[in-house]
């Protein structure tokens, strides 16, 4: 059973290298599909791109609990797409974790 106090929220802010915006956009869409299809512990996976600064991306995620977040981080699609392909294209990467309050 999912309880609010166990839900982990992830806020990721990325800035990509000049000229790599379309590649990261495409890869994020691919990652979102994989997360939604293969991760039952994922509650929300929303990727955003700034209309004013196209090199700036924001990803908001929610996981049912710590185990679901760990499963996400260990998944093949996360390792291959995010770690293997997106991260090398970033100039900045900030990830903050939160607990759901209400």
N, C-alpha and C. Protein backbone atom coordinates (compact mmCIF):
# COMPACT_ATOMS: atom_id res chain seq x y z
N UNK A 1 0.84 -1.18 0.00
CA UNK A 1 0.00 0.00 0.00
C UNK A 1 0.89 1.25 0.00
N UNK A 2 0.54 2.19 -0.85
CA UNK A 2 1.29 3.44 -0.94
C UNK A 2 0.79 4.40 0.13
N UNK A 3 1.73 4.90 0.94
CA UNK A 3 1.38 5.90 1.94
C UNK A 3 2.17 7.17 1.65
N UNK A 4 1.55 8.34 1.84
CA UNK A 4 2.22 9.59 1.49
C UNK A 4 3.60 9.76 2.13
N UNK A 5 3.74 9.31 3.38
CA UNK A 5 5.03 9.50 4.05
C UNK A 5 6.17 8.67 3.47
N UNK A 6 5.84 7.67 2.66
CA UNK A 6 6.87 6.85 2.02
C UNK A 6 7.23 7.32 0.61
N UNK A 7 6.41 8.20 0.04
CA UNK A 7 6.63 8.64 -1.35
C UNK A 7 7.88 9.51 -1.43
N UNK A 8 8.75 9.16 -2.38
CA UNK A 8 9.98 9.91 -2.64
C UNK A 8 9.77 10.74 -3.91
N UNK A 9 10.07 12.02 -3.82
CA UNK A 9 9.97 12.92 -4.96
C UNK A 9 11.38 13.31 -5.39
N UNK A 10 11.58 13.35 -6.69
CA UNK A 10 12.88 13.71 -7.26
C UNK A 10 12.68 14.90 -8.18
N UNK A 11 13.49 15.93 -7.98
CA UNK A 11 13.49 17.10 -8.86
C UNK A 11 14.88 17.20 -9.47
N UNK A 12 14.95 17.00 -10.77
CA UNK A 12 16.24 17.05 -11.48
C UNK A 12 16.26 18.24 -12.42
N UNK A 13 17.29 19.06 -12.29
CA UNK A 13 17.47 20.22 -13.16
C UNK A 13 18.74 20.01 -13.96
N UNK A 14 18.62 20.12 -15.26
CA UNK A 14 19.75 19.88 -16.16
C UNK A 14 19.93 21.04 -17.12
N UNK A 15 21.17 21.31 -17.47
CA UNK A 15 21.50 22.20 -18.57
C UNK A 15 22.36 21.40 -19.53
N UNK A 16 21.98 21.41 -20.80
CA UNK A 16 22.69 20.58 -21.78
C UNK A 16 23.68 21.42 -22.60
N UNK A 17 24.63 20.72 -23.16
CA UNK A 17 25.62 21.36 -24.02
C UNK A 17 24.92 22.01 -25.22
N UNK A 18 25.45 23.15 -25.69
CA UNK A 18 24.86 23.79 -26.87
C UNK A 18 24.77 22.82 -28.04
N UNK A 19 23.61 22.82 -28.69
CA UNK A 19 23.40 21.97 -29.85
C UNK A 19 22.90 20.57 -29.52
N UNK A 20 22.79 20.24 -28.23
CA UNK A 20 22.36 18.89 -27.83
C UNK A 20 20.92 18.86 -27.31
N UNK A 21 20.22 19.98 -27.44
CA UNK A 21 18.87 20.06 -26.89
C UNK A 21 17.92 19.03 -27.50
N UNK A 22 17.95 18.87 -28.79
CA UNK A 22 17.04 17.92 -29.45
C UNK A 22 17.38 16.48 -29.07
N UNK A 23 18.64 16.17 -28.97
CA UNK A 23 19.05 14.82 -28.58
C UNK A 23 18.56 14.49 -27.17
N UNK A 24 18.71 15.43 -26.24
CA UNK A 24 18.27 15.19 -24.86
C UNK A 24 16.74 15.12 -24.81
N UNK A 25 16.07 15.97 -25.53
CA UNK A 25 14.60 15.92 -25.58
C UNK A 25 14.12 14.55 -26.05
N UNK A 26 14.70 14.05 -27.12
CA UNK A 26 14.34 12.74 -27.67
C UNK A 26 14.63 11.62 -26.65
N UNK A 27 15.79 11.68 -26.01
CA UNK A 27 16.17 10.66 -25.02
C UNK A 27 15.27 10.71 -23.79
N UNK A 28 14.88 11.90 -23.38
CA UNK A 28 13.97 12.02 -22.23
C UNK A 28 12.60 11.42 -22.54
N UNK A 29 12.12 11.63 -23.74
CA UNK A 29 10.85 11.02 -24.13
C UNK A 29 10.97 9.50 -24.12
N UNK A 30 12.08 8.99 -24.59
CA UNK A 30 12.34 7.54 -24.57
C UNK A 30 12.39 7.03 -23.12
N UNK A 31 13.07 7.75 -22.25
CA UNK A 31 13.16 7.35 -20.84
C UNK A 31 11.79 7.35 -20.18
N UNK A 32 10.99 8.37 -20.46
CA UNK A 32 9.66 8.46 -19.86
C UNK A 32 8.79 7.26 -20.23
N UNK A 33 8.83 6.86 -21.48
CA UNK A 33 8.06 5.70 -21.92
C UNK A 33 8.53 4.45 -21.18
N UNK A 34 9.82 4.25 -21.08
CA UNK A 34 10.36 3.06 -20.41
C UNK A 34 9.99 3.04 -18.93
N UNK A 35 10.09 4.17 -18.26
CA UNK A 35 9.74 4.24 -16.84
C UNK A 35 8.27 3.88 -16.66
N UNK A 36 7.41 4.48 -17.45
CA UNK A 36 5.97 4.23 -17.30
C UNK A 36 5.59 2.79 -17.62
N UNK A 37 6.29 2.17 -18.55
CA UNK A 37 5.97 0.80 -18.95
C UNK A 37 6.55 -0.25 -18.02
N UNK A 38 7.71 0.02 -17.41
CA UNK A 38 8.44 -1.03 -16.71
C UNK A 38 8.64 -0.83 -15.22
N UNK A 39 8.14 0.27 -14.67
CA UNK A 39 8.38 0.54 -13.26
C UNK A 39 7.07 0.76 -12.51
N UNK A 40 6.52 -0.31 -11.94
CA UNK A 40 5.26 -0.17 -11.21
C UNK A 40 5.36 0.74 -9.99
N UNK A 41 6.56 0.92 -9.45
CA UNK A 41 6.74 1.78 -8.28
C UNK A 41 6.85 3.25 -8.63
N UNK A 42 6.89 3.57 -9.92
CA UNK A 42 6.92 4.97 -10.34
C UNK A 42 5.50 5.50 -10.37
N UNK A 43 5.27 6.61 -9.70
CA UNK A 43 3.94 7.21 -9.65
C UNK A 43 3.80 8.36 -10.64
N UNK A 44 4.88 9.12 -10.84
CA UNK A 44 4.87 10.28 -11.73
C UNK A 44 6.25 10.40 -12.37
N UNK A 45 6.27 10.66 -13.68
CA UNK A 45 7.52 10.95 -14.38
C UNK A 45 7.20 12.00 -15.43
N UNK A 46 7.56 13.25 -15.13
CA UNK A 46 7.23 14.37 -16.01
C UNK A 46 8.50 15.10 -16.41
N UNK A 47 8.76 15.16 -17.69
CA UNK A 47 9.93 15.86 -18.21
C UNK A 47 9.50 17.18 -18.83
N UNK A 48 10.27 18.22 -18.57
CA UNK A 48 9.95 19.57 -19.05
C UNK A 48 11.17 20.18 -19.72
N UNK A 49 10.93 21.07 -20.68
CA UNK A 49 11.98 21.84 -21.32
C UNK A 49 11.58 23.31 -21.27
N UNK A 50 12.49 24.17 -20.88
CA UNK A 50 12.20 25.58 -20.77
C UNK A 50 11.95 26.19 -22.15
N UNK A 51 10.84 26.92 -22.32
CA UNK A 51 10.61 27.58 -23.61
C UNK A 51 11.52 28.80 -23.80
N UNK A 52 11.98 29.37 -22.69
CA UNK A 52 12.85 30.55 -22.77
C UNK A 52 14.32 30.19 -22.89
N UNK A 53 14.70 29.06 -22.28
CA UNK A 53 16.08 28.58 -22.33
C UNK A 53 16.03 27.10 -22.75
N UNK A 54 15.99 26.81 -24.04
CA UNK A 54 15.81 25.43 -24.50
C UNK A 54 16.88 24.44 -24.03
N UNK A 55 17.98 24.94 -23.53
CA UNK A 55 19.03 24.04 -23.03
C UNK A 55 18.75 23.62 -21.58
N UNK A 56 17.69 24.17 -20.98
CA UNK A 56 17.38 23.86 -19.58
C UNK A 56 16.20 22.89 -19.51
N UNK A 57 16.40 21.78 -18.78
CA UNK A 57 15.39 20.74 -18.61
C UNK A 57 15.11 20.54 -17.13
N UNK A 58 13.88 20.13 -16.84
CA UNK A 58 13.47 19.83 -15.48
C UNK A 58 12.68 18.52 -15.51
N UNK A 59 13.04 17.59 -14.65
CA UNK A 59 12.33 16.31 -14.57
C UNK A 59 11.81 16.16 -13.15
N UNK A 60 10.51 15.90 -13.03
CA UNK A 60 9.88 15.68 -11.73
C UNK A 60 9.39 14.24 -11.68
N UNK A 61 9.78 13.54 -10.63
CA UNK A 61 9.44 12.12 -10.49
C UNK A 61 8.90 11.85 -9.09
N UNK A 62 8.02 10.86 -8.98
CA UNK A 62 7.57 10.37 -7.68
C UNK A 62 7.65 8.85 -7.70
N UNK A 63 8.13 8.30 -6.58
CA UNK A 63 8.24 6.86 -6.42
C UNK A 63 7.52 6.44 -5.14
N UNK A 64 6.93 5.27 -5.16
CA UNK A 64 6.12 4.79 -4.04
C UNK A 64 6.91 4.71 -2.74
N UNK A 65 8.20 4.41 -2.84
CA UNK A 65 9.04 4.29 -1.65
C UNK A 65 10.50 4.22 -2.07
N UNK A 66 11.37 4.06 -1.08
CA UNK A 66 12.81 3.99 -1.35
C UNK A 66 13.17 2.82 -2.27
N UNK A 67 12.50 1.70 -2.09
CA UNK A 67 12.79 0.53 -2.93
C UNK A 67 12.44 0.80 -4.39
N UNK A 68 11.36 1.51 -4.64
CA UNK A 68 10.97 1.83 -6.01
C UNK A 68 11.98 2.78 -6.65
N UNK A 69 12.48 3.75 -5.88
CA UNK A 69 13.51 4.65 -6.40
C UNK A 69 14.78 3.87 -6.70
N UNK A 70 15.16 2.98 -5.82
CA UNK A 70 16.36 2.18 -6.05
C UNK A 70 16.20 1.30 -7.29
N UNK A 71 15.03 0.71 -7.46
CA UNK A 71 14.77 -0.10 -8.65
C UNK A 71 14.89 0.74 -9.91
N UNK A 72 14.42 1.98 -9.86
CA UNK A 72 14.55 2.90 -11.00
C UNK A 72 16.02 3.14 -11.31
N UNK A 73 16.80 3.45 -10.30
CA UNK A 73 18.22 3.78 -10.50
C UNK A 73 19.02 2.58 -11.01
N UNK A 74 18.55 1.38 -10.71
CA UNK A 74 19.24 0.16 -11.16
C UNK A 74 18.71 -0.38 -12.48
N UNK A 75 17.63 0.20 -12.99
CA UNK A 75 17.01 -0.32 -14.20
C UNK A 75 17.93 -0.15 -15.41
N UNK A 76 17.79 -1.07 -16.34
CA UNK A 76 18.62 -1.02 -17.56
C UNK A 76 18.37 0.26 -18.34
N UNK A 77 17.09 0.67 -18.46
CA UNK A 77 16.80 1.87 -19.24
C UNK A 77 17.37 3.12 -18.59
N UNK A 78 17.36 3.22 -17.27
CA UNK A 78 17.96 4.38 -16.60
C UNK A 78 19.47 4.38 -16.83
N UNK A 79 20.08 3.24 -16.63
CA UNK A 79 21.54 3.15 -16.81
C UNK A 79 21.95 3.43 -18.26
N UNK A 80 21.21 2.89 -19.21
CA UNK A 80 21.57 3.06 -20.62
C UNK A 80 21.22 4.43 -21.16
N UNK A 81 20.02 4.91 -20.88
CA UNK A 81 19.56 6.17 -21.49
C UNK A 81 20.03 7.38 -20.68
N UNK A 82 19.73 7.40 -19.40
CA UNK A 82 20.05 8.60 -18.60
C UNK A 82 21.54 8.66 -18.29
N UNK A 83 22.05 7.65 -17.62
CA UNK A 83 23.46 7.67 -17.22
C UNK A 83 24.38 7.57 -18.44
N UNK A 84 24.05 6.68 -19.36
CA UNK A 84 24.94 6.42 -20.48
C UNK A 84 24.89 7.43 -21.61
N UNK A 85 23.69 8.02 -21.85
CA UNK A 85 23.55 8.91 -23.01
C UNK A 85 23.25 10.36 -22.66
N UNK A 86 22.40 10.60 -21.66
CA UNK A 86 22.04 11.98 -21.34
C UNK A 86 23.12 12.66 -20.50
N UNK A 87 23.54 12.04 -19.42
CA UNK A 87 24.50 12.69 -18.51
C UNK A 87 25.75 13.19 -19.24
N UNK A 88 26.32 12.45 -20.19
CA UNK A 88 27.50 12.99 -20.89
C UNK A 88 27.23 14.26 -21.69
N UNK A 89 25.95 14.57 -21.97
CA UNK A 89 25.59 15.75 -22.74
C UNK A 89 25.28 16.96 -21.86
N UNK A 90 25.40 16.82 -20.55
CA UNK A 90 25.04 17.89 -19.62
C UNK A 90 26.23 18.75 -19.24
N UNK A 91 25.96 20.04 -19.03
CA UNK A 91 26.97 20.93 -18.47
C UNK A 91 26.67 21.20 -17.00
N UNK A 92 25.40 21.03 -16.60
CA UNK A 92 24.99 21.17 -15.20
C UNK A 92 23.97 20.10 -14.88
N UNK A 93 24.06 19.60 -13.63
CA UNK A 93 23.10 18.58 -13.19
C UNK A 93 22.89 18.74 -11.69
N UNK A 94 21.66 19.02 -11.31
CA UNK A 94 21.30 19.15 -9.90
C UNK A 94 20.11 18.25 -9.64
N UNK A 95 20.22 17.37 -8.66
CA UNK A 95 19.13 16.47 -8.30
C UNK A 95 18.84 16.65 -6.82
N UNK A 96 17.56 16.91 -6.51
CA UNK A 96 17.14 17.11 -5.12
C UNK A 96 16.03 16.11 -4.81
N UNK A 97 16.09 15.53 -3.62
CA UNK A 97 15.10 14.55 -3.18
C UNK A 97 14.21 15.17 -2.11
N UNK A 98 12.93 14.80 -2.14
CA UNK A 98 11.95 15.31 -1.18
C UNK A 98 11.08 14.15 -0.71
N UNK A 99 10.46 14.33 0.44
CA UNK A 99 9.41 13.44 0.94
C UNK A 99 8.08 14.15 0.74
N UNK A 100 7.09 13.43 0.29
CA UNK A 100 5.75 13.98 0.09
C UNK A 100 5.13 14.32 1.44
N UNK A 101 4.56 15.51 1.54
CA UNK A 101 3.89 15.91 2.79
C UNK A 101 2.39 15.70 2.72
N UNK A 102 1.79 16.08 1.62
CA UNK A 102 0.33 15.96 1.53
C UNK A 102 -0.07 15.85 0.07
